[in-house]
C-alpha atoms as a PDB file:
ATOM      1  CA  MET A   1     180.302  34.561 209.752  1.00  0.00           C
ATOM      2  CA  ARG A   2     181.770  38.014 208.772  1.00  0.00           C
ATOM      3  CA  ARG A   3     179.407  40.516 209.111  1.00  0.00           C
ATOM      4  CA  VAL A   4     178.726  43.204 205.988  1.00  0.00           C
ATOM      5  CA  THR A   5     179.438  46.645 206.418  1.00  0.00           C
ATOM      6  CA  ASP A   6     178.348  50.065 203.895  1.00  0.00           C
ATOM      7  CA  SER A   7     182.389  50.424 203.474  1.00  0.00           C
ATOM      8  CA  THR A   8     183.272  47.068 202.508  1.00  0.00           C
ATOM      9  CA  LYS A   9     182.464  43.990 199.574  1.00  0.00           C
ATOM     10  CA  LEU A  10     182.569  40.448 200.964  1.00  0.00           C
ATOM     11  CA  ASP A  11     183.092  39.267 196.962  1.00  0.00           C
ATOM     12  CA  ASP A  12     185.621  42.018 196.333  1.00  0.00           C
ATOM     13  CA  HIS A  13     189.380  42.127 196.890  1.00  0.00           C
ATOM     14  CA  ASP A  14     192.469  43.209 195.595  1.00  0.00           C
ATOM     15  CA  GLY A  15     194.211  40.082 195.868  1.00  0.00           C
ATOM     16  CA  SER A  16     196.111  41.282 199.296  1.00  0.00           C
ATOM     17  CA  GLY A  17     193.162  39.677 201.041  1.00  0.00           C
ATOM     18  CA  ARG A  18     191.243  42.279 202.794  1.00  0.00           C
ATOM     19  CA  PRO A  19     188.010  43.493 201.786  1.00  0.00           C
ATOM     20  CA  VAL A  20     188.115  46.353 198.911  1.00  0.00           C
ATOM     21  CA  PRO A  21     186.187  49.514 200.101  1.00  0.00           C
ATOM     22  CA  ALA A  22     183.051  50.303 198.762  1.00  0.00           C
ATOM     23  CA  HIS A  23     184.297  53.750 198.398  1.00  0.00           C
ATOM     24  CA  ALA A  24     187.785  55.473 197.272  1.00  0.00           C
ATOM     25  CA  ALA A  25     190.484  55.754 200.060  1.00  0.00           C
ATOM     26  CA  PHE A  26     192.526  58.580 200.736  1.00  0.00           C
ATOM     27  CA  ALA A  27     194.960  58.775 203.983  1.00  0.00           C
ATOM     28  CA  GLN A  28     193.991  61.854 206.395  1.00  0.00           C
ATOM     29  CA  ALA A  29     195.797  64.845 205.281  1.00  0.00           C
ATOM     30  CA  ALA A  30     197.472  66.370 208.876  1.00  0.00           C
ATOM     31  CA  ARG A  31     195.310  69.064 210.197  1.00  0.00           C
ATOM     32  CA  GLY A  32     196.513  72.752 212.020  1.00  0.00           C
ATOM     33  CA  TYR A  33     198.972  74.827 211.123  1.00  0.00           C
ATOM     34  CA  TYR A  34     201.871  73.411 210.986  1.00  0.00           C
ATOM     35  CA  THR A  35     201.984  72.333 207.218  1.00  0.00           C
ATOM     36  CA  PRO A  36     201.474  76.027 205.787  1.00  0.00           C
ATOM     37  CA  ILE A  37     203.760  77.187 208.098  1.00  0.00           C
ATOM     38  CA  VAL A  38     206.849  74.618 206.770  1.00  0.00           C
ATOM     39  CA  ALA A  39     205.812  75.002 203.196  1.00  0.00           C
ATOM     40  CA  LEU A  40     206.680  78.873 203.604  1.00  0.00           C
ATOM     41  CA  PHE A  41     209.693  78.606 205.466  1.00  0.00           C
ATOM     42  CA  ALA A  42     211.183  76.118 203.085  1.00  0.00           C
ATOM     43  CA  THR A  43     210.194  78.579 200.018  1.00  0.00           C
ATOM     44  CA  THR A  44     211.517  81.619 201.758  1.00  0.00           C
ATOM     45  CA  LEU A  45     214.831  79.485 202.177  1.00  0.00           C
ATOM     46  CA  ILE A  46     215.168  78.513 198.306  1.00  0.00           C
ATOM     47  CA  ILE A  47     214.034  81.844 197.582  1.00  0.00           C
ATOM     48  CA  SER A  48     217.164  83.478 199.864  1.00  0.00           C
ATOM     49  CA  ASN A  49     219.709  80.458 198.735  1.00  0.00           C
ATOM     50  CA  VAL A  50     219.211  82.030 195.224  1.00  0.00           C
ATOM     51  CA  CYS A  51     218.927  85.405 195.999  1.00  0.00           C
ATOM     52  CA  ALA A  52     222.174  84.936 198.403  1.00  0.00           C
ATOM     53  CA  THR A  53     224.921  84.170 195.021  1.00  0.00           C
ATOM     54  CA  LYS A  54     224.100  87.713 194.164  1.00  0.00           C
ATOM     55  CA  GLY A  55     226.803  90.120 195.882  1.00  0.00           C
ATOM     56  CA  VAL A  56     225.191  93.604 196.671  1.00  0.00           C
ATOM     57  CA  GLU A  57     227.157  97.034 198.019  1.00  0.00           C
ATOM     58  CA  PHE A  58     226.007  99.845 199.551  1.00  0.00           C
ATOM     59  CA  PHE A  59     227.443 103.343 199.576  1.00  0.00           C
ATOM     60  CA  ALA A  60     229.998 102.058 196.966  1.00  0.00           C
ATOM     61  CA  GLY A  61     231.304 105.254 196.144  1.00  0.00           C
ATOM     62  CA  SER A  62     232.296 106.030 200.283  1.00  0.00           C
ATOM     63  CA  SER A  63     235.300 104.289 201.913  1.00  0.00           C
ATOM     64  CA  LEU A  64     235.510 104.441 205.852  1.00  0.00           C
ATOM     65  CA  THR A  65     237.005 101.503 208.028  1.00  0.00           C
ATOM     66  CA  LEU A  66     237.735 101.083 211.745  1.00  0.00           C
ATOM     67  CA  GLY A  67     240.781  99.170 211.841  1.00  0.00           C
ATOM     68  CA  PRO A  68     240.574  95.993 210.272  1.00  0.00           C
ATOM     69  CA  VAL A  69     236.411  96.155 209.875  1.00  0.00           C
ATOM     70  CA  GLN A  70     235.538  98.290 206.709  1.00  0.00           C
ATOM     71  CA  ILE A  71     232.263 100.130 207.537  1.00  0.00           C
ATOM     72  CA  LEU A  72     231.865 101.592 204.475  1.00  0.00           C
ATOM     73  CA  PRO A  73     230.960 100.402 201.655  1.00  0.00           C
ATOM     74  CA  ILE A  74     228.444  97.493 203.230  1.00  0.00           C
ATOM     75  CA  ALA A  75     229.144  94.162 201.161  1.00  0.00           C
ATOM     76  CA  THR A  76     226.129  91.925 201.982  1.00  0.00           C
ATOM     77  CA  ASP A  77     224.477  89.222 199.453  1.00  0.00           C
ATOM     78  CA  GLY A  78     221.037  89.803 197.523  1.00  0.00           C
ATOM     79  CA  ALA A  79     219.187  87.560 200.451  1.00  0.00           C
ATOM     80  CA  PHE A  80     219.926  90.165 202.946  1.00  0.00           C
ATOM     81  CA  PHE A  81     216.030  91.489 203.282  1.00  0.00           C
ATOM     82  CA  LEU A  82     214.418  88.009 203.138  1.00  0.00           C
ATOM     83  CA  PHE A  83     216.765  85.212 204.849  1.00  0.00           C
ATOM     84  CA  PRO A  84     215.755  86.997 208.209  1.00  0.00           C
ATOM     85  CA  LEU A  85     212.156  85.878 208.001  1.00  0.00           C
ATOM     86  CA  ALA A  86     213.665  82.637 207.910  1.00  0.00           C
ATOM     87  CA  TYR A  87     214.916  82.265 211.151  1.00  0.00           C
ATOM     88  CA  ILE A  88     211.315  83.974 212.285  1.00  0.00           C
ATOM     89  CA  LEU A  89     209.411  80.860 210.954  1.00  0.00           C
ATOM     90  CA  GLY A  90     211.711  79.170 212.498  1.00  0.00           C
ATOM     91  CA  ASP A  91     211.300  80.637 215.920  1.00  0.00           C
ATOM     92  CA  VAL A  92     207.885  80.704 215.773  1.00  0.00           C
ATOM     93  CA  LEU A  93     207.623  76.599 214.763  1.00  0.00           C
ATOM     94  CA  SER A  94     210.050  76.268 217.649  1.00  0.00           C
ATOM     95  CA  GLU A  95     208.516  78.417 220.316  1.00  0.00           C
ATOM     96  CA  VAL A  96     205.036  76.392 219.187  1.00  0.00           C
ATOM     97  CA  TYR A  97     205.369  72.873 218.193  1.00  0.00           C
ATOM     98  CA  GLY A  98     208.961  71.962 219.952  1.00  0.00           C
ATOM     99  CA  PHE A  99     212.530  70.615 218.930  1.00  0.00           C
ATOM    100  CA  ARG A 100     211.359  67.538 217.063  1.00  0.00           C
ATOM    101  CA  ALA A 101     208.394  69.283 215.184  1.00  0.00           C
ATOM    102  CA  THR A 102     211.578  72.041 213.812  1.00  0.00           C
ATOM    103  CA  ARG A 103     213.837  69.285 213.296  1.00  0.00           C
ATOM    104  CA  ARG A 104     211.671  67.688 210.752  1.00  0.00           C
ATOM    105  CA  ALA A 105     210.591  71.398 209.365  1.00  0.00           C
ATOM    106  CA  VAL A 106     214.705  71.762 208.573  1.00  0.00           C
ATOM    107  CA  LEU A 107     214.958  68.818 207.160  1.00  0.00           C
ATOM    108  CA  TYR A 108     212.457  69.329 204.553  1.00  0.00           C
ATOM    109  CA  GLY A 109     213.713  72.474 203.811  1.00  0.00           C
ATOM    110  CA  PHE A 110     216.817  70.801 203.640  1.00  0.00           C
ATOM    111  CA  ALA A 111     215.770  68.361 201.111  1.00  0.00           C
ATOM    112  CA  ALA A 112     213.863  71.161 199.101  1.00  0.00           C
ATOM    113  CA  LEU A 113     217.062  73.058 198.621  1.00  0.00           C
ATOM    114  CA  LEU A 114     218.543  69.906 197.257  1.00  0.00           C
ATOM    115  CA  LEU A 115     215.779  69.525 195.013  1.00  0.00           C
ATOM    116  CA  THR A 116     216.398  73.241 193.286  1.00  0.00           C
ATOM    117  CA  VAL A 117     219.954  72.822 193.072  1.00  0.00           C
ATOM    118  CA  ALA A 118     219.434  69.077 191.400  1.00  0.00           C
ATOM    119  CA  CYS A 119     216.952  70.492 189.237  1.00  0.00           C
ATOM    120  CA  PHE A 120     218.846  74.296 187.903  1.00  0.00           C
ATOM    121  CA  ALA A 121     221.464  72.246 186.898  1.00  0.00           C
ATOM    122  CA  ILE A 122     219.829  69.818 185.196  1.00  0.00           C
ATOM    123  CA  ALA A 123     218.100  72.554 183.709  1.00  0.00           C
ATOM    124  CA  ILE A 124     221.173  74.655 182.575  1.00  0.00           C
ATOM    125  CA  ARG A 125     222.817  71.048 181.132  1.00  0.00           C
ATOM    126  CA  LEU A 126     219.622  70.664 178.992  1.00  0.00           C
ATOM    127  CA  PRO A 127     220.355  71.518 175.352  1.00  0.00           C
ATOM    128  CA  ALA A 128     219.289  74.922 174.542  1.00  0.00           C
ATOM    129  CA  ALA A 129     216.570  75.501 171.465  1.00  0.00           C
ATOM    130  CA  GLY A 130     218.337  77.081 168.289  1.00  0.00           C
ATOM    131  CA  PHE A 131     215.591  79.658 168.509  1.00  0.00           C
ATOM    132  CA  TYR A 132     216.489  80.006 172.766  1.00  0.00           C
ATOM    133  CA  GLU A 133     219.305  83.374 173.135  1.00  0.00           C
ATOM    134  CA  ASN A 134     219.454  83.469 177.131  1.00  0.00           C
ATOM    135  CA  GLN A 135     221.633  80.164 177.500  1.00  0.00           C
ATOM    136  CA  GLU A 136     224.207  82.365 179.281  1.00  0.00           C
ATOM    137  CA  ALA A 137     222.191  84.777 180.701  1.00  0.00           C
ATOM    138  CA  PHE A 138     220.015  81.629 182.247  1.00  0.00           C
ATOM    139  CA  ARG A 139     222.990  80.102 183.561  1.00  0.00           C
ATOM    140  CA  THR A 140     224.273  82.947 185.268  1.00  0.00           C
ATOM    141  CA  VAL A 141     221.278  83.946 187.300  1.00  0.00           C
ATOM    142  CA  ILE A 142     220.432  80.185 188.321  1.00  0.00           C
ATOM    143  CA  GLY A 143     223.969  78.560 188.513  1.00  0.00           C
ATOM    144  CA  THR A 144     225.548  77.986 191.407  1.00  0.00           C
ATOM    145  CA  THR A 145     229.045  76.396 192.099  1.00  0.00           C
ATOM    146  CA  PRO A 146     229.379  74.114 194.673  1.00  0.00           C
ATOM    147  CA  ARG A 147     230.797  76.033 197.100  1.00  0.00           C
ATOM    148  CA  LEU A 148     228.051  78.548 197.356  1.00  0.00           C
ATOM    149  CA  VAL A 149     225.915  75.353 198.102  1.00  0.00           C
ATOM    150  CA  LEU A 150     228.056  74.021 200.673  1.00  0.00           C
ATOM    151  CA  ALA A 151     227.942  77.540 201.668  1.00  0.00           C
ATOM    152  CA  GLY A 152     224.120  77.786 201.751  1.00  0.00           C
ATOM    153  CA  LEU A 153     223.359  74.183 203.015  1.00  0.00           C
ATOM    154  CA  ALA A 154     225.907  74.005 205.830  1.00  0.00           C
ATOM    155  CA  GLY A 155     225.105  77.391 207.238  1.00  0.00           C
ATOM    156  CA  TYR A 156     221.241  76.603 207.136  1.00  0.00           C
ATOM    157  CA  LEU A 157     221.311  73.331 208.436  1.00  0.00           C
ATOM    158  CA  VAL A 158     223.849  74.339 211.272  1.00  0.00           C
ATOM    159  CA  GLY A 159     222.258  77.522 212.178  1.00  0.00           C
ATOM    160  CA  GLN A 160     218.204  76.704 212.051  1.00  0.00           C
ATOM    161  CA  LEU A 161     219.123  73.591 214.232  1.00  0.00           C
ATOM    162  CA  LEU A 162     220.675  75.604 216.696  1.00  0.00           C
ATOM    163  CA  ASN A 163     218.820  78.462 216.476  1.00  0.00           C
ATOM    164  CA  SER A 164     215.604  75.636 217.347  1.00  0.00           C
ATOM    165  CA  VAL A 165     218.285  73.774 220.484  1.00  0.00           C
ATOM    166  CA  THR A 166     218.739  77.177 221.854  1.00  0.00           C
ATOM    167  CA  LEU A 167     215.066  78.187 221.714  1.00  0.00           C
ATOM    168  CA  VAL A 168     213.890  75.294 223.396  1.00  0.00           C
ATOM    169  CA  LEU A 169     216.612  74.565 226.131  1.00  0.00           C
ATOM    170  CA  ILE A 170     215.835  78.197 226.934  1.00  0.00           C
ATOM    171  CA  LYS A 171     212.017  77.971 227.165  1.00  0.00           C
ATOM    172  CA  GLU A 172     212.669  74.932 229.257  1.00  0.00           C
ATOM    173  CA  ARG A 173     214.137  77.226 232.297  1.00  0.00           C
ATOM    174  CA  THR A 174     211.951  80.296 231.998  1.00  0.00           C
ATOM    175  CA  LYS A 175     208.439  77.971 230.718  1.00  0.00           C
ATOM    176  CA  GLU A 176     206.193  80.718 229.168  1.00  0.00           C
ATOM    177  CA  ARG A 177     207.641  83.423 230.668  1.00  0.00           C
ATOM    178  CA  PHE A 178     210.764  85.892 229.333  1.00  0.00           C
ATOM    179  CA  LEU A 179     209.372  84.845 225.197  1.00  0.00           C
ATOM    180  CA  TRP A 180     211.711  87.899 224.259  1.00  0.00           C
ATOM    181  CA  ALA A 181     214.997  86.560 225.815  1.00  0.00           C
ATOM    182  CA  ARG A 182     214.124  83.073 223.995  1.00  0.00           C
ATOM    183  CA  LEU A 183     213.303  84.547 220.326  1.00  0.00           C
ATOM    184  CA  ILE A 184     216.387  87.103 220.631  1.00  0.00           C
ATOM    185  CA  GLY A 185     218.975  84.585 222.527  1.00  0.00           C
ATOM    186  CA  SER A 186     218.376  81.800 219.573  1.00  0.00           C
ATOM    187  CA  THR A 187     218.473  84.232 217.281  1.00  0.00           C
ATOM    188  CA  VAL A 188     222.024  85.179 218.238  1.00  0.00           C
ATOM    189  CA  VAL A 189     223.365  81.984 218.354  1.00  0.00           C
ATOM    190  CA  GLY A 190     221.654  80.489 215.212  1.00  0.00           C
ATOM    191  CA  GLU A 191     222.383  83.821 213.282  1.00  0.00           C
ATOM    192  CA  PHE A 192     226.246  84.257 214.019  1.00  0.00           C
ATOM    193  CA  ALA A 193     226.678  79.899 213.261  1.00  0.00           C
ATOM    194  CA  ASP A 194     224.399  80.606 209.700  1.00  0.00           C
ATOM    195  CA  THR A 195     226.770  83.941 209.023  1.00  0.00           C
ATOM    196  CA  LEU A 196     229.871  82.760 210.327  1.00  0.00           C
ATOM    197  CA  LEU A 197     229.849  79.313 208.050  1.00  0.00           C
ATOM    198  CA  PHE A 198     227.750  80.842 204.863  1.00  0.00           C
ATOM    199  CA  CYS A 199     230.453  84.030 204.608  1.00  0.00           C
ATOM    200  CA  ALA A 200     233.497  81.891 205.737  1.00  0.00           C
ATOM    201  CA  ILE A 201     232.986  79.281 202.521  1.00  0.00           C
ATOM    202  CA  ALA A 202     231.055  81.493 200.006  1.00  0.00           C
ATOM    203  CA  ALA A 203     232.962  84.992 200.255  1.00  0.00           C
ATOM    204  CA  GLY A 204     235.139  84.052 197.587  1.00  0.00           C
ATOM    205  CA  ALA A 205     233.021  82.814 195.148  1.00  0.00           C
ATOM    206  CA  ILE A 206     230.627  86.395 195.447  1.00  0.00           C
ATOM    207  CA  GLY A 207     233.576  88.511 194.996  1.00  0.00           C
ATOM    208  CA  ILE A 208     234.581  89.142 198.486  1.00  0.00           C
ATOM    209  CA  ASP A 209     238.439  88.777 198.451  1.00  0.00           C
ATOM    210  CA  THR A 210     239.664  91.043 201.347  1.00  0.00           C
ATOM    211  CA  TRP A 211     239.373  90.416 205.586  1.00  0.00           C
ATOM    212  CA  GLN A 212     237.929  94.229 205.377  1.00  0.00           C
ATOM    213  CA  GLN A 213     235.218  92.871 203.223  1.00  0.00           C
ATOM    214  CA  PHE A 214     234.980  89.689 205.001  1.00  0.00           C
ATOM    215  CA  VAL A 215     234.350  91.257 208.149  1.00  0.00           C
ATOM    216  CA  ASN A 216     232.345  93.698 206.966  1.00  0.00           C
ATOM    217  CA  TYR A 217     229.963  90.769 205.157  1.00  0.00           C
ATOM    218  CA  LEU A 218     230.089  88.986 209.060  1.00  0.00           C
ATOM    219  CA  VAL A 219     229.517  91.840 210.801  1.00  0.00           C
ATOM    220  CA  VAL A 220     226.654  93.359 208.804  1.00  0.00           C
ATOM    221  CA  GLY A 221     224.821  90.327 207.650  1.00  0.00           C
ATOM    222  CA  PHE A 222     224.722  89.106 211.541  1.00  0.00           C
ATOM    223  CA  LEU A 223     223.645  92.574 212.982  1.00  0.00           C
ATOM    224  CA  TRP A 224     220.847  93.230 210.270  1.00  0.00           C
ATOM    225  CA  LYS A 225     219.601  89.538 210.790  1.00  0.00           C
ATOM    226  CA  THR A 226     219.480  90.146 214.427  1.00  0.00           C
ATOM    227  CA  LEU A 227     217.986  93.733 214.359  1.00  0.00           C
ATOM    228  CA  CYS A 228     215.569  92.161 211.619  1.00  0.00           C
ATOM    229  CA  GLU A 229     213.775  90.048 215.071  1.00  0.00           C
ATOM    230  CA  VAL A 230     213.987  93.076 217.360  1.00  0.00           C
ATOM    231  CA  LEU A 231     211.921  94.786 215.127  1.00  0.00           C
ATOM    232  CA  VAL A 232     208.797  92.029 214.389  1.00  0.00           C
ATOM    233  CA  LEU A 233     209.273  90.880 217.835  1.00  0.00           C
ATOM    234  CA  PRO A 234     205.719  92.556 218.141  1.00  0.00           C
ATOM    235  CA  ILE A 235     204.658  90.534 215.360  1.00  0.00           C
ATOM    236  CA  THR A 236     206.339  87.348 216.327  1.00  0.00           C
ATOM    237  CA  TYR A 237     204.443  88.004 219.483  1.00  0.00           C
ATOM    238  CA  ARG A 238     201.009  88.079 217.977  1.00  0.00           C
ATOM    239  CA  VAL A 239     201.703  85.077 215.646  1.00  0.00           C
ATOM    240  CA  ILE A 240     202.955  82.596 218.308  1.00  0.00           C
ATOM    241  CA  ALA A 241     200.208  83.704 220.617  1.00  0.00           C
ATOM    242  CA  TRP A 242     197.426  83.127 217.955  1.00  0.00           C
ATOM    243  CA  LEU A 243     198.990  79.887 216.721  1.00  0.00           C
ATOM    244  CA  LYS A 244     198.795  78.925 220.440  1.00  0.00           C
ATOM    245  CA  ARG A 245     195.295  79.302 221.253  1.00  0.00           C
ATOM    246  CA  HIS A 246     193.988  77.569 218.014  1.00  0.00           C
ATOM    247  CA  GLU A 247     196.152  74.612 217.983  1.00  0.00           C
ATOM    248  CA  ASP A 248     196.807  71.591 220.498  1.00  0.00           C
ATOM    249  CA  TYR A 249     199.114  73.899 222.917  1.00  0.00           C
ATOM    250  CA  GLU A 250     199.760  71.861 226.200  1.00  0.00           C
ATOM    251  CA  PRO A 251     203.066  70.822 228.465  1.00  0.00           C
ATOM    252  CA  ARG A 252     204.991  67.728 227.547  1.00  0.00           C
ATOM    253  CA  PRO A 253     206.214  65.711 230.231  1.00  0.00           C
ATOM    254  CA  ARG A 254     209.929  65.915 228.808  1.00  0.00           C
ATOM    255  CA  PRO A 255     211.990  68.682 227.254  1.00  0.00           C
ATOM    256  CA  ALA A 256     211.304  68.937 223.839  1.00  0.00           C
ATOM    257  CA  VAL A 257     214.876  69.055 222.817  1.00  0.00           C
ATOM    258  CA  GLU A 258     215.747  64.957 223.551  1.00  0.00           C
ATOM    259  CA  GLU A 259     212.503  63.982 221.508  1.00  0.00           C
END
C-alpha cells in the first residue's frame, strides 16, 4: 500500500497516473551569479548592435594619412564606448565558468539578437496610426539592413567563441597564474576576428567607402576595444576574484574547451 505523505494526495491525479502534489509545483531556479551575468551580457550585445548602425567621426575637420592608413578623421561606430563591455563579460564568463557555460551564453545572446532584429522588422512593418508622424524616423533608427544584421551576427558569434576558446586554452597551461595574459591574449584574438568580420561586411552600409576609411575603422575599432580591456584589468581582476570566492569554483578533470 502506498504511504500518504504531506506533499501528495492518493485520490487526486492529473490524468498522467502520478499523484498531484498538495502544493503548487515550481522548477528550481539556477543559483549563483551566472544568470545575471548572462543577462547583462546579452543586453550589452543587443544595445551595441543597435548603436553600431550609426557611423561616428571624430576630428572631422582634420586630415592626416600615413601611407594607406587614414589617421584623421577617426571613423568608428556608435557602439565604440559600449561594445568592449561585452568582451569583458565574456572574459569573466570564460575564466570563472569555462567554455561550455560561455558558449551557452553566447548562443543565448545570438538568439536574443535574432529576436531583436525580428521584432524590429515586425514593428516597422506594422501600419502606422494616423496620428503617428514618426514612421520614417522610427524606421531609420531601428531599421537594419540584411548586411548589417549579417555583419553583427557573424562578428559577434565568431569573435566571442574565439575569445572564450583562446582564454580557456591558455588557462589549461597556466592554471591560475598569469590571468592578465589570458585576458589580453583572448581579447586580441576575439576582438580582431570580430572587428575584421564586422568591418568587412558592414563598412559600406554605414558609409565607409574607401580603403583608407576601412583600414582606419578596423584599426581604431580593434585598438580601442583592446585598450579598454587593458585599462579595466584591475576591475576585471576584482570581479573574477569575487566570483571565484562566492561560486562553486574548483579544478575540472578535463579541459573545459572539450566539454
